[in-house]
Amino acid sequence: LQMRSKRYRPLYYWLSVALLAVFGTFSADT
C-alpha cells in the first residue's frame, strides 16, 4: 500500500516498520 501510494502515508509507513520489527526478529534468529 505504501509503495503504491504517490506520497508518504504515515499509517502505511509506520505499520510496515512495526510489522518488520516483528518479522525481522525471526528472520535474524532463524
PDB file of all heavy atoms in Angstrom:
ATOM      1  N   LEU A   1       0.828  -1.206   0.000  1.00  0.00           N
ATOM      2  CA  LEU A   1       0.000   0.000   0.000  1.00  0.00           C
ATOM      3  C   LEU A   1       0.865   1.258   0.000  1.00  0.00           C
ATOM      4  O   LEU A   1       0.573   2.235  -0.709  1.00  0.00           O
ATOM      5  CB  LEU A   1      -0.931  -0.007   1.213  1.00  0.00           C
ATOM      6  CG  LEU A   1      -2.067  -1.033   1.194  1.00  0.00           C
ATOM      7  CD1 LEU A   1      -2.772  -1.062   2.551  1.00  0.00           C
ATOM      8  CD2 LEU A   1      -3.063  -0.717   0.084  1.00  0.00           C
ATOM      9  N   GLN A   2       1.940   1.241   0.801  1.00  0.00           N
ATOM     10  CA  GLN A   2       2.833   2.399   0.852  1.00  0.00           C
ATOM     11  C   GLN A   2       3.552   2.608  -0.473  1.00  0.00           C
ATOM     12  O   GLN A   2       3.653   3.732  -0.968  1.00  0.00           O
ATOM     13  CB  GLN A   2       3.855   2.227   1.983  1.00  0.00           C
ATOM     14  CG  GLN A   2       4.974   3.261   2.006  1.00  0.00           C
ATOM     15  CD  GLN A   2       4.473   4.691   2.161  1.00  0.00           C
ATOM     16  OE1 GLN A   2       3.416   4.945   2.716  1.00  0.00           O
ATOM     17  NE2 GLN A   2       5.242   5.637   1.643  1.00  0.00           N
ATOM     18  N   MET A   3       4.029   1.538  -1.079  1.00  0.00           N
ATOM     19  CA  MET A   3       4.785   1.669  -2.324  1.00  0.00           C
ATOM     20  C   MET A   3       3.884   2.049  -3.496  1.00  0.00           C
ATOM     21  O   MET A   3       4.342   2.655  -4.472  1.00  0.00           O
ATOM     22  CB  MET A   3       5.552   0.381  -2.617  1.00  0.00           C
ATOM     23  CG  MET A   3       6.645   0.091  -1.598  1.00  0.00           C
ATOM     24  SD  MET A   3       7.801  -1.213  -2.076  1.00  0.00           S
ATOM     25  CE  MET A   3       8.724  -0.380  -3.392  1.00  0.00           C
ATOM     26  N   ARG A   4       2.611   1.695  -3.418  1.00  0.00           N
ATOM     27  CA  ARG A   4       1.672   2.084  -4.475  1.00  0.00           C
ATOM     28  C   ARG A   4       1.163   3.511  -4.315  1.00  0.00           C
ATOM     29  O   ARG A   4       0.622   4.089  -5.262  1.00  0.00           O
ATOM     30  CB  ARG A   4       0.484   1.115  -4.496  1.00  0.00           C
ATOM     31  CG  ARG A   4       0.823  -0.254  -5.076  1.00  0.00           C
ATOM     32  CD  ARG A   4      -0.420  -1.136  -5.161  1.00  0.00           C
ATOM     33  NE  ARG A   4      -0.118  -2.402  -5.809  1.00  0.00           N
ATOM     34  CZ  ARG A   4      -1.005  -3.375  -6.016  1.00  0.00           C
ATOM     35  NH1 ARG A   4      -2.272  -3.200  -5.607  1.00  0.00           N
ATOM     36  NH2 ARG A   4      -0.652  -4.487  -6.615  1.00  0.00           N
ATOM     37  N   SER A   5       1.339   4.061  -3.125  1.00  0.00           N
ATOM     38  CA  SER A   5       0.931   5.449  -2.897  1.00  0.00           C
ATOM     39  C   SER A   5       1.896   6.389  -3.613  1.00  0.00           C
ATOM     40  O   SER A   5       3.055   6.052  -3.853  1.00  0.00           O
ATOM     41  CB  SER A   5       0.924   5.765  -1.403  1.00  0.00           C
ATOM     42  OG  SER A   5       0.023   4.934  -0.708  1.00  0.00           O
ATOM     43  N   LYS A   6       1.421   7.571  -3.941  1.00  0.00           N
ATOM     44  CA  LYS A   6       2.259   8.536  -4.646  1.00  0.00           C
ATOM     45  C   LYS A   6       2.951   9.507  -3.691  1.00  0.00           C
ATOM     46  O   LYS A   6       3.644  10.418  -4.137  1.00  0.00           O
ATOM     47  CB  LYS A   6       1.420   9.304  -5.670  1.00  0.00           C
ATOM     48  CG  LYS A   6       0.911   8.403  -6.792  1.00  0.00           C
ATOM     49  CD  LYS A   6       0.084   9.177  -7.791  1.00  0.00           C
ATOM     50  CE  LYS A   6      -0.421   8.252  -8.907  1.00  0.00           C
ATOM     51  NZ  LYS A   6      -1.243   8.994  -9.894  1.00  0.00           N
ATOM     52  N   ARG A   7       2.731   9.305  -2.395  1.00  0.00           N
ATOM     53  CA  ARG A   7       3.399  10.138  -1.392  1.00  0.00           C
ATOM     54  C   ARG A   7       3.522   9.345  -0.096  1.00  0.00           C
ATOM     55  O   ARG A   7       3.016   8.230   0.023  1.00  0.00           O
ATOM     56  CB  ARG A   7       2.633  11.438  -1.152  1.00  0.00           C
ATOM     57  CG  ARG A   7       1.227  11.230  -0.602  1.00  0.00           C
ATOM     58  CD  ARG A   7       0.562  12.554  -0.282  1.00  0.00           C
ATOM     59  NE  ARG A   7      -0.816  12.420   0.158  1.00  0.00           N
ATOM     60  CZ  ARG A   7      -1.190  12.123   1.397  1.00  0.00           C
ATOM     61  NH1 ARG A   7      -0.269  11.920   2.334  1.00  0.00           N
ATOM     62  NH2 ARG A   7      -2.462  12.037   1.713  1.00  0.00           N
ATOM     63  N   TYR A   8       4.178   9.921   0.859  1.00  0.00           N
ATOM     64  CA  TYR A   8       4.340   9.308   2.175  1.00  0.00           C
ATOM     65  C   TYR A   8       3.008   9.216   2.891  1.00  0.00           C
ATOM     66  O   TYR A   8       2.297  10.207   3.052  1.00  0.00           O
ATOM     67  CB  TYR A   8       5.333  10.144   2.994  1.00  0.00           C
ATOM     68  CG  TYR A   8       5.287   9.933   4.485  1.00  0.00           C
ATOM     69  CD1 TYR A   8       5.565   8.689   5.057  1.00  0.00           C
ATOM     70  CD2 TYR A   8       4.985  10.995   5.345  1.00  0.00           C
ATOM     71  CE1 TYR A   8       5.539   8.505   6.427  1.00  0.00           C
ATOM     72  CE2 TYR A   8       4.968  10.825   6.716  1.00  0.00           C
ATOM     73  CZ  TYR A   8       5.237   9.575   7.260  1.00  0.00           C
ATOM     74  OH  TYR A   8       5.205   9.408   8.613  1.00  0.00           O
ATOM     75  N   ARG A   9       2.657   8.012   3.309  1.00  0.00           N
ATOM     76  CA  ARG A   9       1.439   7.778   4.087  1.00  0.00           C
ATOM     77  C   ARG A   9       1.853   7.296   5.475  1.00  0.00           C
ATOM     78  O   ARG A   9       2.332   6.161   5.630  1.00  0.00           O
ATOM     79  CB  ARG A   9       0.579   6.713   3.419  1.00  0.00           C
ATOM     80  CG  ARG A   9       0.163   7.042   1.996  1.00  0.00           C
ATOM     81  CD  ARG A   9      -1.050   7.935   1.974  1.00  0.00           C
ATOM     82  NE  ARG A   9      -1.559   8.143   0.632  1.00  0.00           N
ATOM     83  CZ  ARG A   9      -2.642   8.842   0.349  1.00  0.00           C
ATOM     84  NH1 ARG A   9      -3.339   9.377   1.356  1.00  0.00           N
ATOM     85  NH2 ARG A   9      -3.041   9.007  -0.890  1.00  0.00           N
ATOM     86  N   PRO A  10       1.706   8.123   6.497  1.00  0.00           N
ATOM     87  CA  PRO A  10       2.174   7.744   7.847  1.00  0.00           C
ATOM     88  C   PRO A  10       1.639   6.404   8.329  1.00  0.00           C
ATOM     89  O   PRO A  10       2.381   5.618   8.928  1.00  0.00           O
ATOM     90  CB  PRO A  10       1.673   8.900   8.724  1.00  0.00           C
ATOM     91  CG  PRO A  10       1.539  10.057   7.804  1.00  0.00           C
ATOM     92  CD  PRO A  10       1.123   9.483   6.494  1.00  0.00           C
ATOM     93  N   LEU A  11       0.360   6.133   8.092  1.00  0.00           N
ATOM     94  CA  LEU A  11      -0.232   4.892   8.566  1.00  0.00           C
ATOM     95  C   LEU A  11       0.438   3.692   7.916  1.00  0.00           C
ATOM     96  O   LEU A  11       0.836   2.738   8.606  1.00  0.00           O
ATOM     97  CB  LEU A  11      -1.735   4.872   8.275  1.00  0.00           C
ATOM     98  CG  LEU A  11      -2.491   3.644   8.787  1.00  0.00           C
ATOM     99  CD1 LEU A  11      -2.482   3.605  10.321  1.00  0.00           C
ATOM    100  CD2 LEU A  11      -3.930   3.648   8.271  1.00  0.00           C
ATOM    101  N   TYR A  12       0.576   3.717   6.607  1.00  0.00           N
ATOM    102  CA  TYR A  12       1.191   2.599   5.888  1.00  0.00           C
ATOM    103  C   TYR A  12       2.666   2.466   6.243  1.00  0.00           C
ATOM    104  O   TYR A  12       3.167   1.349   6.455  1.00  0.00           O
ATOM    105  CB  TYR A  12       1.054   2.780   4.376  1.00  0.00           C
ATOM    106  CG  TYR A  12      -0.356   2.855   3.868  1.00  0.00           C
ATOM    107  CD1 TYR A  12      -0.651   3.441   2.637  1.00  0.00           C
ATOM    108  CD2 TYR A  12      -1.423   2.340   4.606  1.00  0.00           C
ATOM    109  CE1 TYR A  12      -1.954   3.511   2.149  1.00  0.00           C
ATOM    110  CE2 TYR A  12      -2.726   2.413   4.141  1.00  0.00           C
ATOM    111  CZ  TYR A  12      -2.982   2.996   2.913  1.00  0.00           C
ATOM    112  OH  TYR A  12      -4.268   3.068   2.442  1.00  0.00           O
ATOM    113  N   TYR A  13       3.372   3.590   6.310  1.00  0.00           N
ATOM    114  CA  TYR A  13       4.812   3.561   6.587  1.00  0.00           C
ATOM    115  C   TYR A  13       5.103   2.974   7.960  1.00  0.00           C
ATOM    116  O   TYR A  13       5.903   2.041   8.099  1.00  0.00           O
ATOM    117  CB  TYR A  13       5.395   4.971   6.474  1.00  0.00           C
ATOM    118  CG  TYR A  13       6.878   5.047   6.776  1.00  0.00           C
ATOM    119  CD1 TYR A  13       7.812   4.958   5.757  1.00  0.00           C
ATOM    120  CD2 TYR A  13       7.345   5.216   8.087  1.00  0.00           C
ATOM    121  CE1 TYR A  13       9.176   5.027   6.034  1.00  0.00           C
ATOM    122  CE2 TYR A  13       8.694   5.282   8.367  1.00  0.00           C
ATOM    123  CZ  TYR A  13       9.607   5.185   7.344  1.00  0.00           C
ATOM    124  OH  TYR A  13      10.951   5.237   7.625  1.00  0.00           O
ATOM    125  N   TRP A  14       4.448   3.508   8.993  1.00  0.00           N
ATOM    126  CA  TRP A  14       4.795   3.100  10.352  1.00  0.00           C
ATOM    127  C   TRP A  14       4.267   1.718  10.709  1.00  0.00           C
ATOM    128  O   TRP A  14       4.893   1.002  11.505  1.00  0.00           O
ATOM    129  CB  TRP A  14       4.337   4.149  11.357  1.00  0.00           C
ATOM    130  CG  TRP A  14       5.218   5.359  11.334  1.00  0.00           C
ATOM    131  CD1 TRP A  14       4.906   6.612  10.922  1.00  0.00           C
ATOM    132  CD2 TRP A  14       6.596   5.406  11.716  1.00  0.00           C
ATOM    133  NE1 TRP A  14       5.999   7.450  11.013  1.00  0.00           N
ATOM    134  CE2 TRP A  14       7.056   6.724  11.513  1.00  0.00           C
ATOM    135  CE3 TRP A  14       7.505   4.471  12.217  1.00  0.00           C
ATOM    136  CZ2 TRP A  14       8.352   7.130  11.784  1.00  0.00           C
ATOM    137  CZ3 TRP A  14       8.808   4.859  12.491  1.00  0.00           C
ATOM    138  CH2 TRP A  14       9.227   6.170  12.280  1.00  0.00           C
ATOM    139  N   LEU A  15       3.154   1.300  10.128  1.00  0.00           N
ATOM    140  CA  LEU A  15       2.705  -0.073  10.342  1.00  0.00           C
ATOM    141  C   LEU A  15       3.657  -1.049   9.657  1.00  0.00           C
ATOM    142  O   LEU A  15       3.918  -2.137  10.176  1.00  0.00           O
ATOM    143  CB  LEU A  15       1.278  -0.255   9.833  1.00  0.00           C
ATOM    144  CG  LEU A  15       0.184   0.370  10.715  1.00  0.00           C
ATOM    145  CD1 LEU A  15      -1.187   0.203  10.076  1.00  0.00           C
ATOM    146  CD2 LEU A  15       0.191  -0.246  12.118  1.00  0.00           C
ATOM    147  N   SER A  16       4.193  -0.665   8.508  1.00  0.00           N
ATOM    148  CA  SER A  16       5.200  -1.506   7.839  1.00  0.00           C
ATOM    149  C   SER A  16       6.435  -1.648   8.711  1.00  0.00           C
ATOM    150  O   SER A  16       6.992  -2.742   8.856  1.00  0.00           O
ATOM    151  CB  SER A  16       5.582  -0.902   6.482  1.00  0.00           C
ATOM    152  OG  SER A  16       4.490  -0.863   5.593  1.00  0.00           O
ATOM    153  N   VAL A  17       6.876  -0.543   9.313  1.00  0.00           N
ATOM    154  CA  VAL A  17       8.055  -0.568  10.185  1.00  0.00           C
ATOM    155  C   VAL A  17       7.797  -1.440  11.415  1.00  0.00           C
ATOM    156  O   VAL A  17       8.640  -2.276  11.791  1.00  0.00           O
ATOM    157  CB  VAL A  17       8.438   0.868  10.618  1.00  0.00           C
ATOM    158  CG1 VAL A  17       9.480   0.838  11.731  1.00  0.00           C
ATOM    159  CG2 VAL A  17       8.971   1.658   9.428  1.00  0.00           C
ATOM    160  N   ALA A  18       6.646  -1.272  12.049  1.00  0.00           N
ATOM    161  CA  ALA A  18       6.336  -2.048  13.253  1.00  0.00           C
ATOM    162  C   ALA A  18       6.234  -3.536  12.949  1.00  0.00           C
ATOM    163  O   ALA A  18       6.710  -4.377  13.724  1.00  0.00           O
ATOM    164  CB  ALA A  18       5.037  -1.544  13.877  1.00  0.00           C
ATOM    165  N   LEU A  19       5.622  -3.886  11.824  1.00  0.00           N
ATOM    166  CA  LEU A  19       5.487  -5.297  11.452  1.00  0.00           C
ATOM    167  C   LEU A  19       6.835  -5.889  11.053  1.00  0.00           C
ATOM    168  O   LEU A  19       7.109  -7.069  11.306  1.00  0.00           O
ATOM    169  CB  LEU A  19       4.477  -5.438  10.313  1.00  0.00           C
ATOM    170  CG  LEU A  19       3.028  -5.194  10.744  1.00  0.00           C
ATOM    171  CD1 LEU A  19       2.151  -4.903   9.533  1.00  0.00           C
ATOM    172  CD2 LEU A  19       2.491  -6.406  11.513  1.00  0.00           C
ATOM    173  N   LEU A  20       7.686  -5.061  10.451  1.00  0.00           N
ATOM    174  CA  LEU A  20       9.035  -5.531  10.130  1.00  0.00           C
ATOM    175  C   LEU A  20       9.829  -5.788  11.399  1.00  0.00           C
ATOM    176  O   LEU A  20      10.707  -6.660  11.430  1.00  0.00           O
ATOM    177  CB  LEU A  20       9.747  -4.500   9.255  1.00  0.00           C
ATOM    178  CG  LEU A  20      11.113  -4.895   8.682  1.00  0.00           C
ATOM    179  CD1 LEU A  20      11.010  -6.193   7.888  1.00  0.00           C
ATOM    180  CD2 LEU A  20      11.654  -3.781   7.796  1.00  0.00           C
ATOM    181  N   ALA A  21       9.520  -5.046  12.472  1.00  0.00           N
ATOM    182  CA  ALA A  21      10.182  -5.288  13.757  1.00  0.00           C
ATOM    183  C   ALA A  21       9.842  -6.673  14.287  1.00  0.00           C
ATOM    184  O   ALA A  21      10.662  -7.312  14.955  1.00  0.00           O
ATOM    185  CB  ALA A  21       9.771  -4.222  14.774  1.00  0.00           C
ATOM    186  N   VAL A  22       8.639  -7.147  13.992  1.00  0.00           N
ATOM    187  CA  VAL A  22       8.246  -8.499  14.392  1.00  0.00           C
ATOM    188  C   VAL A  22       8.905  -9.529  13.485  1.00  0.00           C
ATOM    189  O   VAL A  22       9.597 -10.443  13.947  1.00  0.00           O
ATOM    190  CB  VAL A  22       6.711  -8.671  14.327  1.00  0.00           C
ATOM    191  CG1 VAL A  22       6.320 -10.100  14.704  1.00  0.00           C
ATOM    192  CG2 VAL A  22       6.024  -7.682  15.256  1.00  0.00           C
ATOM    193  N   PHE A  23       8.717  -9.370  12.188  1.00  0.00           N
ATOM    194  CA  PHE A  23       9.233 -10.347  11.231  1.00  0.00           C
ATOM    195  C   PHE A  23      10.757 -10.347  11.165  1.00  0.00           C
ATOM    196  O   PHE A  23      11.386 -11.401  11.033  1.00  0.00           O
ATOM    197  CB  PHE A  23       8.654 -10.061   9.847  1.00  0.00           C
ATOM    198  CG  PHE A  23       9.212 -10.927   8.761  1.00  0.00           C
ATOM    199  CD1 PHE A  23       8.927 -12.284   8.730  1.00  0.00           C
ATOM    200  CD2 PHE A  23      10.030 -10.396   7.770  1.00  0.00           C
ATOM    201  CE1 PHE A  23       9.454 -13.099   7.736  1.00  0.00           C
ATOM    202  CE2 PHE A  23      10.546 -11.197   6.775  1.00  0.00           C
ATOM    203  CZ  PHE A  23      10.262 -12.555   6.755  1.00  0.00           C
ATOM    204  N   GLY A  24      11.367  -9.156  11.273  1.00  0.00           N
ATOM    205  CA  GLY A  24      12.819  -9.067  11.193  1.00  0.00           C
ATOM    206  C   GLY A  24      13.520  -9.812  12.304  1.00  0.00           C
ATOM    207  O   GLY A  24      14.599 -10.381  12.121  1.00  0.00           O
ATOM    208  N   THR A  25      12.889  -9.844  13.497  1.00  0.00           N
ATOM    209  CA  THR A  25      13.452 -10.588  14.621  1.00  0.00           C
ATOM    210  C   THR A  25      13.569 -12.065  14.283  1.00  0.00           C
ATOM    211  O   THR A  25      14.618 -12.694  14.498  1.00  0.00           O
ATOM    212  CB  THR A  25      12.574 -10.418  15.874  1.00  0.00           C
ATOM    213  OG1 THR A  25      12.546  -9.033  16.237  1.00  0.00           O
ATOM    214  CG2 THR A  25      13.104 -11.242  17.032  1.00  0.00           C
ATOM    215  N   PHE A  26      12.496 -12.624  13.753  1.00  0.00           N
ATOM    216  CA  PHE A  26      12.510 -14.036  13.409  1.00  0.00           C
ATOM    217  C   PHE A  26      13.454 -14.329  12.243  1.00  0.00           C
ATOM    218  O   PHE A  26      14.062 -15.396  12.187  1.00  0.00           O
ATOM    219  CB  PHE A  26      11.092 -14.515  13.063  1.00  0.00           C
ATOM    220  CG  PHE A  26      10.251 -14.763  14.276  1.00  0.00           C
ATOM    221  CD1 PHE A  26       9.300 -13.843  14.671  1.00  0.00           C
ATOM    222  CD2 PHE A  26      10.421 -15.901  15.044  1.00  0.00           C
ATOM    223  CE1 PHE A  26       8.520 -14.060  15.801  1.00  0.00           C
ATOM    224  CE2 PHE A  26       9.654 -16.133  16.178  1.00  0.00           C
ATOM    225  CZ  PHE A  26       8.701 -15.205  16.554  1.00  0.00           C
ATOM    226  N   SER A  27      13.586 -13.399  11.318  1.00  0.00           N
ATOM    227  CA  SER A  27      14.500 -13.603  10.191  1.00  0.00           C
ATOM    228  C   SER A  27      15.932 -13.756  10.685  1.00  0.00           C
ATOM    229  O   SER A  27      16.655 -14.664  10.254  1.00  0.00           O
ATOM    230  CB  SER A  27      14.404 -12.421   9.218  1.00  0.00           C
ATOM    231  OG  SER A  27      13.110 -12.300   8.690  1.00  0.00           O
ATOM    232  N   ALA A  28      16.339 -12.864  11.594  1.00  0.00           N
ATOM    233  CA  ALA A  28      17.693 -12.926  12.129  1.00  0.00           C
ATOM    234  C   ALA A  28      17.896 -14.168  12.986  1.00  0.00           C
ATOM    235  O   ALA A  28      18.917 -14.869  12.866  1.00  0.00           O
ATOM    236  CB  ALA A  28      17.995 -11.669  12.937  1.00  0.00           C
ATOM    237  N   ASP A  29      16.921 -14.463  13.848  1.00  0.00           N
ATOM    238  CA  ASP A  29      17.051 -15.613  14.740  1.00  0.00           C
ATOM    239  C   ASP A  29      17.007 -16.933  13.968  1.00  0.00           C
ATOM    240  O   ASP A  29      17.742 -17.878  14.293  1.00  0.00           O
ATOM    241  CB  ASP A  29      15.938 -15.592  15.787  1.00  0.00           C
ATOM    242  CG  ASP A  29      16.093 -14.454  16.783  1.00  0.00           C
ATOM    243  OD1 ASP A  29      17.203 -13.899  16.865  1.00  0.00           O
ATOM    244  OD2 ASP A  29      15.112 -14.127  17.473  1.00  0.00           O
ATOM    245  N   THR A  30      16.135 -16.999  12.956  1.00  0.00           N
ATOM    246  CA  THR A  30      16.043 -18.225  12.149  1.00  0.00           C
ATOM    247  C   THR A  30      17.318 -18.457  11.360  1.00  0.00           C
ATOM    248  O   THR A  30      17.786 -19.596  11.233  1.00  0.00           O
ATOM    249  CB  THR A  30      14.842 -18.139  11.190  1.00  0.00           C
ATOM    250  OG1 THR A  30      13.643 -17.984  11.947  1.00  0.00           O
ATOM    251  CG2 THR A  30      14.737 -19.397  10.344  1.00  0.00           C
TER     252      THR A  30
END
